[in-house]
Structure formats: C-alpha cells, structure tokens
Amino acid sequence: MSLEFKSRRLLLTAGIQSMSFVLIFFHGLNNPSGPEWDTFFWLMVLFSSIAGLSRSFLLNKSGLNVYLFQLIRPNVFYLLRCISNFVYIFFLSLFTLLLLWLFYGFMPFAFLDILLILLISSIGFSAIFTFSGAIASESNQAAVLLPLLSIPLLIPLIMVLFALCNKIIANQSGIESYTLDLMLLLLLDVLYFLPGMFLFKHMWGE
C-alpha cells in the first residue's frame, strides 16, 4: 500500500483524463441514447484503466523487485497486486459513472445493476492488466507492450459487457434475468486470474 500511495499522482492523472473524456462527450452529444451512453462509458473505463495501470510493475526498478522477492512469496505479491488494481479500476469506473450521471442526469440502467457489473468486470480488468504488466515489465518497451498484450484478452470481456448492458437497457426486468451473463463474466474472471497465479512465480523469479 505504501508503494501504491507513492504513485498517487498517476491516479490523479487518470481521474483528470476521465473528466476530460466526459466533458468532450457531453459537448459533442447532448442527448445520448442508452447504447451510446453504455459504449462511451466502457471505452472511457478501458482507456483510463490502461493509462493508470501502466504503472503496474512498470515503475518498479529491478533492485526493488529483488527486495520484494526476498520479502514476500510471489503468489501473495501477485494476489495483492491484483487486489490493488481491482480497487483502482473499480473506483475509477465508479468515478466515471458518477461524472456521467452528474452531466446527463440519467443512467440507461438501474444503479445497483451497473454497480454489480462494475464489481465483477473490475476483477477481470485487474487480472488482465496485472498479468500483462508482469510480462511487459520484462521488456525494454514495456509501455508499448502492455496495451498490445492486454487488448486481445480484453476483447471477450468487453463483448460480454456490451451484450449484458444492452440487454439490461432493452429490458428493465431486474438483474436476476441476466444470471447466465453474469456467470459468464465470472468464468472469464477465473480464466484470466488463474494463469497469473501459476505462472507469475516463474516470471518474477527470473
């Protein structure tokens, strides 16, 4: 947590970036439809997360990694990094959601529904960016490699999120009607998280 707090300026940068995106969106589209609102929201969360989470592993110097490797087990460190990134992504998404609500005064779906989706999707985003960051940190071009590794993994997650949110927008019948979609999101979260837990100790040991 001390290491994360030292990079707080990057969190501030990501928050300012989200505010800029919302202002541009608000200026260009005064009355967005539900699908437009939904599309812009997830794209804004995606790009803001990439910008902010580029700090994950990439800012750690080799000497710091050696020190941490002696201090804590790799699996525990990877888990804690995933939790840290999850908290970052979730609150950044919530901040973006509140900004959109402040400017437009409406959401195309119920707040509790989108809050549940944010919780589940933030786990997947965190697992993807943490694992990709761990791999990218081994390269001299880590800042370029991170998005290249992340985007192919993000595509299935984004597609499921779009499909789920469009169903909720079209049919306001309650979150219980979309249990299968939520289970698919949870399955993707598990598939993204488990490889990192098994492989990270080998990468970090190098």
Protein backbone atom coordinates (compact mmCIF):
# COMPACT_ATOMS: atom_id res chain seq x y z
CA MET A 1 0.00 0.00 0.00
CA SER A 2 2.95 2.30 0.66
CA LEU A 3 4.24 1.67 -2.87
CA GLU A 4 0.80 2.34 -4.34
CA PHE A 5 0.45 5.58 -2.40
CA LYS A 6 3.73 6.83 -3.82
CA SER A 7 2.24 6.59 -7.33
CA ARG A 8 -0.88 8.59 -6.39
CA ARG A 9 -0.05 11.28 -8.96
CA LEU A 10 -0.81 8.72 -11.67
CA LEU A 11 -4.21 8.08 -10.10
CA LEU A 12 -4.88 11.81 -10.20
CA THR A 13 -3.84 11.87 -13.86
CA ALA A 14 -6.28 9.07 -14.69
CA GLY A 15 -9.08 10.91 -12.86
CA ILE A 16 -8.39 14.10 -14.80
CA GLN A 17 -8.36 12.09 -18.01
CA SER A 18 -11.80 10.67 -17.17
CA MET A 19 -13.14 14.16 -16.52
CA SER A 20 -11.76 15.33 -19.87
CA PHE A 21 -13.42 12.42 -21.69
CA VAL A 22 -16.78 13.19 -20.05
CA LEU A 23 -16.53 16.89 -20.95
CA ILE A 24 -15.75 16.06 -24.59
CA PHE A 25 -18.60 13.55 -24.71
CA PHE A 26 -21.03 16.00 -23.12
CA HIS A 27 -20.04 18.78 -25.53
CA GLY A 28 -20.38 16.54 -28.58
CA LEU A 29 -23.56 14.62 -27.67
CA ASN A 30 -26.25 16.33 -25.61
CA ASN A 31 -28.87 13.57 -25.61
CA PRO A 32 -27.18 10.17 -25.96
CA SER A 33 -29.25 7.04 -26.34
CA GLY A 34 -28.78 4.15 -23.95
CA PRO A 35 -26.38 2.16 -26.20
CA GLU A 36 -24.32 5.30 -26.93
CA TRP A 37 -24.08 6.07 -23.22
CA ASP A 38 -23.11 2.46 -22.49
CA THR A 39 -20.48 2.30 -25.26
CA PHE A 40 -18.79 5.52 -24.26
CA PHE A 41 -18.75 4.56 -20.59
CA TRP A 42 -16.93 1.25 -21.12
CA LEU A 43 -14.48 2.73 -23.63
CA MET A 44 -13.67 5.51 -21.19
CA VAL A 45 -13.13 3.00 -18.36
CA LEU A 46 -10.94 0.88 -20.63
CA PHE A 47 -8.60 3.64 -21.80
CA SER A 48 -8.40 5.31 -18.39
CA SER A 49 -7.51 1.96 -16.83
CA ILE A 50 -4.78 1.32 -19.38
CA ALA A 51 -3.35 4.80 -18.76
CA GLY A 52 -3.37 4.41 -14.99
CA LEU A 53 -2.38 0.75 -14.72
CA SER A 54 0.63 1.20 -16.95
CA ARG A 55 2.26 1.91 -13.58
CA SER A 56 1.68 -1.70 -12.52
CA PHE A 57 5.08 -3.42 -12.42
CA LEU A 58 6.42 -0.95 -14.99
CA LEU A 59 7.63 1.59 -12.42
CA ASN A 60 9.36 -0.99 -10.26
CA LYS A 61 13.12 -0.94 -10.59
CA SER A 62 14.98 -4.24 -10.72
CA GLY A 63 16.51 -3.64 -7.29
CA LEU A 64 13.06 -3.13 -5.79
CA ASN A 65 11.84 -6.37 -7.36
CA VAL A 66 14.79 -8.25 -5.86
CA TYR A 67 13.99 -6.78 -2.43
CA LEU A 68 10.29 -7.66 -2.70
CA PHE A 69 11.14 -11.16 -3.92
CA GLN A 70 13.02 -11.77 -0.68
CA LEU A 71 10.28 -10.20 1.42
CA ILE A 72 7.12 -11.94 0.21
CA ARG A 73 6.04 -15.03 -1.72
CA PRO A 74 5.37 -14.44 -5.45
CA ASN A 75 1.78 -15.73 -5.32
CA VAL A 76 0.94 -13.47 -2.40
CA PHE A 77 2.53 -10.48 -4.12
CA TYR A 78 0.60 -11.21 -7.32
CA LEU A 79 -2.67 -11.54 -5.39
CA LEU A 80 -2.08 -8.27 -3.55
CA ARG A 81 -1.24 -6.52 -6.82
CA CYS A 82 -4.49 -7.85 -8.32
CA ILE A 83 -6.44 -6.54 -5.32
CA SER A 84 -4.74 -3.16 -5.57
CA ASN A 85 -5.52 -2.91 -9.28
CA PHE A 86 -9.10 -4.06 -8.66
CA VAL A 87 -9.64 -1.26 -6.13
CA TYR A 88 -8.14 1.25 -8.57
CA ILE A 89 -10.27 0.14 -11.54
CA PHE A 90 -13.48 -0.11 -9.54
CA PHE A 91 -13.25 3.35 -8.03
CA LEU A 92 -12.12 4.86 -11.33
CA SER A 93 -15.16 3.27 -13.01
CA LEU A 94 -17.44 4.49 -10.23
CA PHE A 95 -15.97 7.99 -10.50
CA THR A 96 -16.59 7.96 -14.27
CA LEU A 97 -20.14 6.71 -13.76
CA LEU A 98 -20.92 9.49 -11.27
CA LEU A 99 -19.48 12.09 -13.64
CA LEU A 100 -21.73 10.89 -16.44
CA TRP A 101 -24.72 10.92 -14.10
CA LEU A 102 -23.81 14.45 -12.95
CA PHE A 103 -23.65 15.79 -16.50
CA TYR A 104 -26.59 13.91 -18.01
CA GLY A 105 -28.81 13.33 -15.00
CA PHE A 106 -29.77 9.80 -16.01
CA MET A 107 -28.43 6.28 -16.43
CA PRO A 108 -29.82 3.84 -19.01
CA PHE A 109 -29.97 1.14 -16.32
CA ALA A 110 -30.53 0.85 -12.57
CA PHE A 111 -27.63 1.93 -10.38
CA LEU A 112 -27.49 -1.35 -8.43
CA ASP A 113 -27.35 -3.31 -11.69
CA ILE A 114 -24.39 -1.37 -13.06
CA LEU A 115 -22.69 -1.45 -9.63
CA LEU A 116 -22.80 -5.26 -9.62
CA ILE A 117 -21.48 -5.38 -13.18
CA LEU A 118 -18.68 -2.99 -12.25
CA LEU A 119 -17.63 -5.19 -9.34
CA ILE A 120 -17.48 -8.33 -11.46
CA SER A 121 -15.87 -6.72 -14.50
CA SER A 122 -13.25 -4.93 -12.40
CA ILE A 123 -11.96 -8.33 -11.29
CA GLY A 124 -11.42 -9.32 -14.92
CA PHE A 125 -9.80 -5.99 -15.84
CA SER A 126 -7.49 -6.28 -12.84
CA ALA A 127 -6.42 -9.84 -13.67
CA ILE A 128 -5.72 -8.94 -17.30
CA PHE A 129 -3.70 -5.80 -16.58
CA THR A 130 -1.77 -7.38 -13.71
CA PHE A 131 -0.71 -10.42 -15.73
CA SER A 132 0.04 -8.35 -18.85
CA GLY A 133 2.01 -5.87 -16.74
CA ALA A 134 4.07 -8.67 -15.24
CA ILE A 135 5.02 -9.91 -18.71
CA ALA A 136 5.58 -6.43 -20.16
CA SER A 137 7.86 -5.42 -17.31
CA GLU A 138 10.46 -7.88 -18.61
CA SER A 139 10.79 -5.89 -21.85
CA ASN A 140 12.59 -2.64 -22.58
CA GLN A 141 9.44 -1.43 -24.37
CA ALA A 142 7.09 -2.21 -21.51
CA ALA A 143 4.83 0.84 -22.01
CA VAL A 144 4.14 -0.26 -25.60
CA LEU A 145 3.92 -3.97 -24.86
CA LEU A 146 1.34 -3.64 -22.07
CA PRO A 147 -1.61 -2.49 -24.26
CA LEU A 148 -0.58 -4.91 -27.04
CA LEU A 149 -0.80 -7.82 -24.62
CA SER A 150 -3.93 -6.57 -22.87
CA ILE A 151 -6.20 -5.73 -25.80
CA PRO A 152 -6.60 -9.29 -27.20
CA LEU A 153 -7.52 -10.51 -23.71
CA LEU A 154 -9.91 -7.61 -23.19
CA ILE A 155 -11.95 -8.25 -26.34
CA PRO A 156 -14.02 -11.20 -24.96
CA LEU A 157 -14.65 -9.35 -21.70
CA ILE A 158 -15.74 -6.16 -23.47
CA MET A 159 -18.03 -8.10 -25.82
CA VAL A 160 -19.77 -9.79 -22.90
CA LEU A 161 -20.12 -6.44 -21.09
CA PHE A 162 -21.65 -4.77 -24.14
CA ALA A 163 -24.10 -7.65 -24.66
CA LEU A 164 -25.10 -7.69 -20.99
CA CYS A 165 -25.59 -3.94 -20.73
CA ASN A 166 -27.57 -3.78 -23.98
CA LYS A 167 -29.91 -6.48 -22.65
CA ILE A 168 -30.43 -4.53 -19.43
CA ILE A 169 -31.07 -1.31 -21.36
CA ALA A 170 -33.61 -3.02 -23.64
CA ASN A 171 -35.38 -4.91 -20.87
CA GLN A 172 -35.56 -3.41 -17.37
CA SER A 173 -36.73 -6.62 -15.69
CA GLY A 174 -34.12 -6.96 -12.97
CA ILE A 175 -30.65 -8.37 -12.68
CA GLU A 176 -31.98 -11.86 -11.95
CA SER A 177 -32.87 -12.14 -15.65
CA TYR A 178 -29.20 -11.92 -16.62
CA THR A 179 -27.75 -14.56 -14.33
CA LEU A 180 -26.19 -16.54 -17.20
CA ASP A 181 -24.40 -13.43 -18.50
CA LEU A 182 -23.08 -12.66 -15.03
CA MET A 183 -21.88 -16.24 -14.65
CA LEU A 184 -20.05 -15.90 -17.96
CA LEU A 185 -18.35 -12.76 -16.65
CA LEU A 186 -17.29 -14.63 -13.51
CA LEU A 187 -15.97 -17.51 -15.62
CA LEU A 188 -13.85 -15.09 -17.65
CA ASP A 189 -12.54 -13.57 -14.41
CA VAL A 190 -11.41 -17.01 -13.22
CA LEU A 191 -9.80 -17.84 -16.58
CA TYR A 192 -7.88 -14.56 -16.53
CA PHE A 193 -6.81 -14.85 -12.90
CA LEU A 194 -5.65 -18.45 -12.51
CA PRO A 195 -2.84 -18.47 -15.16
CA GLY A 196 -1.22 -15.49 -13.49
CA MET A 197 -1.24 -17.19 -10.08
CA PHE A 198 0.54 -20.25 -11.50
CA LEU A 199 2.96 -18.51 -13.87
CA PHE A 200 3.90 -15.33 -12.04
CA LYS A 201 6.32 -17.02 -9.63
CA HIS A 202 8.36 -18.28 -12.59
CA MET A 203 8.44 -14.89 -14.31
CA TRP A 204 9.22 -13.00 -11.11
CA GLY A 205 11.92 -15.49 -10.15
CA GLU A 206 13.79 -14.61 -13.35
